[in-house]
Amino acid sequence: MRFQDTMSYLIRLLKIKFFNNGFPFVVRWDITARCPMQCRYCDIWKLKIKELNTATILRIIDEMAQEGVKKISFSGGEPLLREDICEIVHYTKAKGISAEINSTGYSFADKAERLKSLDLIKLSLDGPKEIHDVVRGREGAYDSVIDAALAAKKQRIPFRFCVTLSGYNIQYVGFLLQLARDCEAKIVFQPLKDIRYLKHCSFIFKTEEQLFPAPEQFQKAIHMLLKCCKEERRLISNSPQTLRHIYYWPKYAKLKCWAGKIFCMISPSGEISPCDRLFYDVQLPNCAQTSFRQAVTMMPRLPFCEGCGFWGSLVLNYAANFKADLELLRKAAQC
């Protein structure tokens, strides 16, 4: 991330914080609910949500560009299942917006050459092959991640491994760090969190006890990551600050959240909300049915939230609250 990009983020943060000037400039967009995986902690693959068509998505991207959006992180489901994903990424880049993809790695190797313009692909990783495939509910899922990493490397597309810490992989943090070293990749860790429109997830979280690591296991893993931050700063994307924030998971340190002001999230059907990890008692605006600007102005206030450990949100919130040093600000420009 160039110095001028970091300073651009700082200026936007200043305007929003002190002058309430501007719209969210980071967007995570779940452009499909379809997914080839059946993860233990997610059931989005069960949902039947009508996706937005290509023309509507491109129109919304046009409007985002007009409002000064700097980054769109396309997610899902598995965004690579959309036949138009390459067109969407190219259009996003042509509008001067940074384009990223959150992926299971599925089919990326086949599309990598057509996605050379990607700024980043974030590959979900849950542990060694025998653990990853079990958590993902699909044989060969681990191989898809590794193939995607190799394809990204070949095409010189920046990539990062993203780990959701759970009872299944908490003892494999050392393995995951070594894999990132071997692949010359960055890696980021974050804890489990429910998602609003995945209504069955709450049931899964209550019944799937193995999903949750014991507190002492979780804290031991965080100690290891803090040590890694100190010794190998370029390997791990988490900062010591954000790791200490999640140390007592599922309880979190106090931090004002700027969801809806700095960043927002869009569902596969076009509903827009400050954060998809919260439940709202009102009908959410839909940016497919109105303009992006209008939908943003209609977003509800944030309901009560006990906090979260979602890495991207944490970094932006620490930066917005001016509790970040220059290194964390640089990470904010990369989240």
Protein backbone atom coordinates (compact mmCIF):
# COMPACT_ATOMS: atom_id res chain seq x y z
CA MET A 1 0.00 0.00 0.00
CA ARG A 2 1.50 3.28 -1.11
CA PHE A 3 2.05 6.14 1.32
CA GLN A 4 -0.38 8.37 -0.58
CA ASP A 5 -3.10 5.70 -0.29
CA THR A 6 -2.59 5.55 3.47
CA MET A 7 -2.82 9.34 3.69
CA SER A 8 -5.97 9.30 1.55
CA TYR A 9 -7.57 6.96 4.09
CA LEU A 10 -6.47 9.24 6.92
CA ILE A 11 -8.05 12.27 5.26
CA ARG A 12 -11.33 10.39 4.75
CA LEU A 13 -11.33 9.29 8.38
CA LEU A 14 -10.76 12.87 9.54
CA LYS A 15 -13.62 14.21 7.42
CA ILE A 16 -16.07 11.56 8.64
CA LYS A 17 -15.04 11.78 12.30
CA PHE A 18 -14.95 15.55 12.73
CA PHE A 19 -17.21 16.89 9.98
CA ASN A 20 -19.59 13.96 9.38
CA ASN A 21 -18.56 14.53 5.79
CA GLY A 22 -18.83 11.64 3.38
CA PHE A 23 -20.17 8.17 2.87
CA PRO A 24 -18.77 4.78 3.81
CA PHE A 25 -15.71 4.28 1.64
CA VAL A 26 -15.18 0.57 2.30
CA VAL A 27 -17.91 -1.90 1.26
CA ARG A 28 -18.16 -5.65 1.77
CA TRP A 29 -20.59 -7.04 -0.77
CA ASP A 30 -21.94 -10.60 -0.58
CA ILE A 31 -22.80 -10.89 -4.26
CA THR A 32 -24.05 -14.47 -4.01
CA ALA A 33 -25.30 -16.91 -1.40
CA ARG A 34 -24.26 -19.89 -3.50
CA CYS A 35 -21.34 -21.84 -2.10
CA PRO A 36 -19.74 -25.20 -2.90
CA MET A 37 -18.79 -25.69 0.75
CA GLN A 38 -20.94 -26.70 3.73
CA CYS A 39 -18.93 -25.15 6.56
CA ARG A 40 -19.57 -26.20 10.15
CA TYR A 41 -20.03 -22.56 11.23
CA CYS A 42 -21.98 -21.23 8.24
CA ASP A 43 -25.11 -22.29 6.40
CA ILE A 44 -25.34 -19.65 3.70
CA TRP A 45 -25.30 -22.51 1.18
CA LYS A 46 -28.82 -23.41 2.34
CA LEU A 47 -30.26 -20.02 1.42
CA LYS A 48 -32.21 -19.36 -1.76
CA ILE A 49 -31.64 -15.68 -2.36
CA LYS A 50 -32.30 -14.07 -5.73
CA GLU A 51 -29.05 -12.46 -6.79
CA LEU A 52 -28.72 -9.11 -8.47
CA ASN A 53 -28.11 -9.25 -12.20
CA THR A 54 -24.95 -7.92 -13.82
CA ALA A 55 -26.48 -4.64 -15.03
CA THR A 56 -27.76 -3.78 -11.54
CA ILE A 57 -24.41 -4.54 -9.94
CA LEU A 58 -22.55 -2.37 -12.46
CA ARG A 59 -25.04 0.46 -11.91
CA ILE A 60 -24.47 0.32 -8.15
CA ILE A 61 -20.70 0.33 -8.70
CA ASP A 62 -21.11 3.45 -10.85
CA GLU A 63 -22.93 5.14 -7.97
CA MET A 64 -20.33 3.97 -5.44
CA ALA A 65 -17.60 5.54 -7.54
CA GLN A 66 -19.53 8.81 -7.61
CA GLU A 67 -19.76 8.75 -3.80
CA GLY A 68 -16.04 8.14 -3.35
CA VAL A 69 -15.99 4.47 -2.37
CA LYS A 70 -12.35 3.36 -2.26
CA LYS A 71 -12.67 -0.39 -1.85
CA ILE A 72 -15.16 -3.18 -2.50
CA SER A 73 -14.56 -6.60 -1.01
CA PHE A 74 -16.68 -9.10 -2.94
CA SER A 75 -17.78 -12.01 -0.79
CA GLY A 76 -20.51 -14.59 -0.48
CA GLY A 77 -21.13 -17.49 -0.52
CA GLU A 78 -18.45 -18.03 -3.10
CA PRO A 79 -18.22 -15.02 -5.44
CA LEU A 80 -16.22 -17.04 -7.96
CA LEU A 81 -19.38 -19.03 -8.73
CA ARG A 82 -20.79 -15.99 -10.51
CA GLU A 83 -20.13 -16.23 -14.25
CA ASP A 84 -19.77 -12.46 -14.42
CA ILE A 85 -17.24 -12.11 -11.58
CA CYS A 86 -14.38 -11.20 -13.94
CA GLU A 87 -16.50 -8.52 -15.60
CA ILE A 88 -17.53 -7.14 -12.19
CA VAL A 89 -13.93 -6.96 -10.98
CA HIS A 90 -12.71 -5.31 -14.20
CA TYR A 91 -15.51 -2.74 -14.06
CA THR A 92 -14.77 -1.96 -10.43
CA LYS A 93 -11.11 -1.34 -11.23
CA ALA A 94 -12.00 0.78 -14.27
CA LYS A 95 -14.00 3.03 -11.93
CA GLY A 96 -10.93 3.61 -9.77
CA ILE A 97 -12.10 1.39 -6.89
CA SER A 98 -9.90 -1.24 -5.28
CA ALA A 99 -11.33 -4.73 -5.84
CA GLU A 100 -10.87 -7.68 -3.48
CA ILE A 101 -12.42 -11.15 -3.28
CA ASN A 102 -13.12 -13.30 -0.22
CA SER A 103 -12.99 -16.89 -1.40
CA THR A 104 -12.79 -20.55 -0.50
CA GLY A 105 -10.35 -20.86 -3.39
CA TYR A 106 -12.87 -22.92 -5.37
CA SER A 107 -12.24 -22.55 -9.15
CA PHE A 108 -9.90 -19.59 -8.67
CA ALA A 109 -7.03 -21.37 -10.43
CA ASP A 110 -9.21 -21.53 -13.57
CA LYS A 111 -10.01 -17.81 -13.43
CA ALA A 112 -6.75 -16.35 -12.08
CA GLU A 113 -5.41 -15.20 -15.42
CA ARG A 114 -8.61 -13.23 -16.08
CA LEU A 115 -8.48 -11.72 -12.58
CA LYS A 116 -4.95 -10.28 -12.78
CA SER A 117 -6.29 -6.83 -11.92
CA LEU A 118 -7.46 -7.95 -8.45
CA ASP A 119 -5.89 -5.99 -5.62
CA LEU A 120 -6.21 -8.90 -3.21
CA ILE A 121 -7.75 -12.34 -2.87
CA LYS A 122 -8.45 -13.50 0.68
CA LEU A 123 -8.44 -17.28 0.98
CA SER A 124 -10.31 -18.92 3.86
CA LEU A 125 -8.18 -21.52 5.63
CA ASP A 126 -9.15 -23.72 8.58
CA GLY A 127 -6.08 -25.86 9.22
CA PRO A 128 -4.24 -28.83 7.70
CA LYS A 129 -6.00 -30.87 5.03
CA GLU A 130 -7.70 -33.31 7.41
CA ILE A 131 -9.12 -30.45 9.51
CA HIS A 132 -9.90 -28.00 6.70
CA ASP A 133 -11.89 -30.55 4.67
CA VAL A 134 -13.93 -31.57 7.73
CA VAL A 135 -14.74 -27.96 8.69
CA ARG A 136 -15.58 -27.09 5.09
CA GLY A 137 -17.70 -30.19 4.59
CA ARG A 138 -16.08 -30.98 1.26
CA GLU A 139 -13.31 -33.38 0.33
CA GLY A 140 -10.63 -31.55 -1.64
CA ALA A 141 -11.43 -28.14 -0.14
CA TYR A 142 -7.88 -27.78 1.21
CA ASP A 143 -6.41 -28.57 -2.20
CA SER A 144 -8.56 -25.80 -3.70
CA VAL A 145 -7.06 -23.28 -1.28
CA ILE A 146 -3.49 -24.33 -2.04
CA ASP A 147 -4.14 -24.37 -5.80
CA ALA A 148 -5.64 -20.88 -5.52
CA ALA A 149 -2.59 -19.61 -3.59
CA LEU A 150 -0.23 -21.03 -6.22
CA ALA A 151 -2.31 -19.55 -9.05
CA ALA A 152 -2.36 -16.13 -7.36
CA LYS A 153 1.39 -16.29 -6.90
CA LYS A 154 1.91 -17.24 -10.55
CA GLN A 155 -0.23 -14.31 -11.73
CA ARG A 156 1.33 -11.97 -9.15
CA ILE A 157 -2.03 -11.34 -7.51
CA PRO A 158 -1.63 -10.40 -3.82
CA PHE A 159 -3.24 -13.00 -1.57
CA ARG A 160 -3.81 -13.55 2.13
CA PHE A 161 -4.93 -16.52 4.19
CA CYS A 162 -7.87 -15.78 6.52
CA VAL A 163 -8.39 -18.07 9.51
CA THR A 164 -11.54 -18.31 11.61
CA LEU A 165 -10.34 -19.61 14.97
CA SER A 166 -12.47 -22.48 16.24
CA GLY A 167 -12.25 -25.56 18.40
CA TYR A 168 -11.29 -27.49 15.29
CA ASN A 169 -8.13 -25.53 14.46
CA ILE A 170 -7.06 -23.72 17.64
CA GLN A 171 -4.21 -26.20 18.17
CA TYR A 172 -2.97 -25.76 14.60
CA VAL A 173 -2.02 -22.07 14.74
CA GLY A 174 1.66 -23.01 14.44
CA PHE A 175 0.93 -25.09 11.33
CA LEU A 176 -1.03 -22.22 9.77
CA LEU A 177 1.76 -19.73 10.40
CA GLN A 178 4.28 -22.08 8.83
CA LEU A 179 2.08 -22.63 5.80
CA ALA A 180 1.88 -18.86 5.31
CA ARG A 181 5.69 -18.68 5.52
CA ASP A 182 6.08 -21.47 2.98
CA CYS A 183 3.65 -19.76 0.60
CA GLU A 184 5.23 -16.33 1.23
CA ALA A 185 1.77 -15.06 2.14
CA LYS A 186 0.25 -12.89 4.82
CA ILE A 187 -2.21 -14.45 7.24
CA VAL A 188 -4.91 -13.02 9.50
CA PHE A 189 -6.83 -14.61 12.40
CA GLN A 190 -10.27 -13.76 13.77
CA PRO A 191 -12.82 -15.45 16.07
CA LEU A 192 -16.27 -16.83 15.28
CA LYS A 193 -19.24 -14.48 15.04
CA ASP A 194 -22.88 -14.97 14.08
CA ILE A 195 -24.20 -13.34 10.89
CA ARG A 196 -27.59 -11.68 10.74
CA TYR A 197 -29.24 -13.15 7.67
CA LEU A 198 -27.94 -16.68 8.32
CA LYS A 199 -30.74 -17.36 10.76
CA HIS A 200 -29.79 -21.00 11.31
CA CYS A 201 -26.27 -20.04 12.39
CA SER A 202 -27.53 -19.12 15.84
CA PHE A 203 -28.82 -22.68 16.21
CA ILE A 204 -25.52 -24.11 14.96
CA PHE A 205 -23.57 -21.98 17.40
CA LYS A 206 -25.71 -23.23 20.30
CA THR A 207 -25.51 -26.92 19.40
CA GLU A 208 -22.07 -27.37 17.81
CA GLU A 209 -19.97 -27.20 20.97
CA GLN A 210 -16.81 -28.31 19.21
CA LEU A 211 -16.85 -25.04 17.28
CA PHE A 212 -15.76 -23.15 20.38
CA PRO A 213 -12.23 -23.39 21.76
CA ALA A 214 -11.77 -23.33 25.52
CA PRO A 215 -10.80 -19.85 26.82
CA GLU A 216 -7.35 -21.05 27.86
CA GLN A 217 -6.78 -22.55 24.39
CA PHE A 218 -7.85 -19.33 22.72
CA GLN A 219 -5.62 -17.18 24.92
CA LYS A 220 -2.66 -19.50 24.36
CA ALA A 221 -3.14 -19.06 20.61
CA ILE A 222 -3.30 -15.28 20.97
CA HIS A 223 -0.05 -15.33 22.96
CA MET A 224 1.58 -17.21 20.08
CA LEU A 225 0.25 -14.66 17.58
CA LEU A 226 1.43 -11.72 19.68
CA LYS A 227 4.90 -13.22 19.69
CA CYS A 228 4.69 -13.65 15.93
CA CYS A 229 3.67 -9.99 15.54
CA LYS A 230 6.81 -8.97 17.38
CA GLU A 231 9.20 -11.27 15.55
CA GLU A 232 7.63 -11.46 12.07
CA ARG A 233 5.67 -8.29 11.54
CA ARG A 234 5.24 -8.84 7.81
CA LEU A 235 3.83 -12.36 8.17
CA ILE A 236 0.72 -11.69 10.23
CA SER A 237 -1.81 -9.01 9.31
CA ASN A 238 -3.18 -8.76 12.86
CA SER A 239 -1.57 -6.03 14.95
CA PRO A 240 -0.77 -6.47 18.66
CA GLN A 241 -3.52 -3.93 19.33
CA THR A 242 -6.25 -5.92 17.56
CA LEU A 243 -5.04 -9.22 19.05
CA ARG A 244 -5.25 -7.82 22.57
CA HIS A 245 -8.76 -6.63 21.71
CA ILE A 246 -9.95 -10.22 21.17
CA TYR A 247 -7.86 -11.84 23.94
CA TYR A 248 -10.88 -12.45 26.22
CA TRP A 249 -13.16 -13.66 23.41
CA PRO A 250 -16.15 -13.88 23.36
CA LYS A 251 -15.89 -10.68 25.40
CA TYR A 252 -14.16 -7.74 23.79
CA ALA A 253 -12.44 -4.55 24.83
CA LYS A 254 -14.53 -1.38 24.52
CA LEU A 255 -14.26 0.38 21.18
CA LYS A 256 -16.60 2.80 19.41
CA CYS A 257 -17.80 1.25 16.16
CA TRP A 258 -18.06 3.32 12.98
CA ALA A 259 -20.09 0.80 11.00
CA GLY A 260 -22.35 2.68 8.59
CA LYS A 261 -20.05 5.70 8.65
CA ILE A 262 -16.76 4.28 7.39
CA PHE A 263 -17.87 0.89 6.10
CA CYS A 264 -21.12 -0.87 5.23
CA MET A 265 -22.26 -4.26 3.97
CA ILE A 266 -24.54 -5.41 1.18
CA SER A 267 -26.42 -8.73 1.03
CA PRO A 268 -26.86 -10.86 -2.13
CA SER A 269 -30.30 -9.31 -2.70
CA GLY A 270 -29.01 -5.75 -2.36
CA GLU A 271 -30.00 -4.97 1.23
CA ILE A 272 -27.55 -2.54 2.79
CA SER A 273 -26.71 -2.34 6.48
CA PRO A 274 -24.00 -0.89 8.70
CA CYS A 275 -23.03 -4.43 9.75
CA ASP A 276 -24.34 -7.89 8.89
CA ARG A 277 -23.43 -9.27 12.31
CA LEU A 278 -26.30 -7.44 13.97
CA PHE A 279 -30.07 -7.89 13.94
CA TYR A 280 -32.35 -4.99 12.92
CA ASP A 281 -36.02 -4.53 13.76
CA VAL A 282 -36.75 -2.48 10.62
CA GLN A 283 -36.82 -3.19 6.90
CA LEU A 284 -33.36 -2.56 5.51
CA PRO A 285 -33.02 -0.29 2.46
CA ASN A 286 -32.10 -1.97 -0.81
CA CYS A 287 -29.61 -0.29 -3.12
CA ALA A 288 -30.97 -2.28 -6.07
CA GLN A 289 -34.36 -0.62 -5.59
CA THR A 290 -33.04 2.89 -4.99
CA SER A 291 -29.75 4.71 -5.44
CA PHE A 292 -26.69 3.80 -3.39
CA ARG A 293 -26.71 7.31 -1.90
CA GLN A 294 -30.35 7.06 -0.90
CA ALA A 295 -29.92 3.57 0.54
CA VAL A 296 -26.99 4.72 2.68
CA THR A 297 -28.96 7.65 4.07
CA MET A 298 -31.81 5.26 4.94
CA MET A 299 -29.65 2.78 6.85
CA PRO A 300 -30.83 2.25 10.44
CA ARG A 301 -28.75 3.21 13.44
CA LEU A 302 -26.54 0.54 14.92
CA PRO A 303 -28.41 -1.55 17.50
CA PHE A 304 -26.69 -2.61 20.71
CA CYS A 305 -23.56 -4.60 20.02
CA GLU A 306 -21.26 -6.39 22.45
CA GLY A 307 -18.39 -5.96 20.03
CA CYS A 308 -16.71 -8.25 17.56
CA GLY A 309 -13.32 -9.50 16.52
CA PHE A 310 -13.79 -9.14 12.77
CA TRP A 311 -10.33 -7.99 11.69
CA GLY A 312 -11.30 -5.54 8.95
CA SER A 313 -13.80 -3.72 11.16
CA LEU A 314 -11.39 -3.63 14.10
CA VAL A 315 -8.59 -2.03 12.14
CA LEU A 316 -10.86 0.64 10.66
CA ASN A 317 -12.45 1.35 14.06
CA TYR A 318 -9.11 1.73 15.83
CA ALA A 319 -7.97 4.09 13.09
CA ALA A 320 -11.20 6.11 13.24
CA ASN A 321 -10.92 6.43 17.01
CA PHE A 322 -7.31 7.59 16.62
CA LYS A 323 -6.08 4.75 18.78
CA ALA A 324 -3.78 3.55 16.03
CA ASP A 325 -0.15 4.14 15.23
CA LEU A 326 1.09 4.61 11.65
CA GLU A 327 1.55 0.84 11.21
CA LEU A 328 -2.08 0.13 12.12
CA LEU A 329 -3.22 2.97 9.86
CA ARG A 330 -1.31 1.31 7.04
CA LYS A 331 -3.18 -1.92 7.82
CA ALA A 332 -6.46 0.04 7.75
CA ALA A 333 -5.71 0.93 4.17
CA GLN A 334 -5.20 -2.78 3.43
CA CYS A 335 -8.14 -4.32 5.31
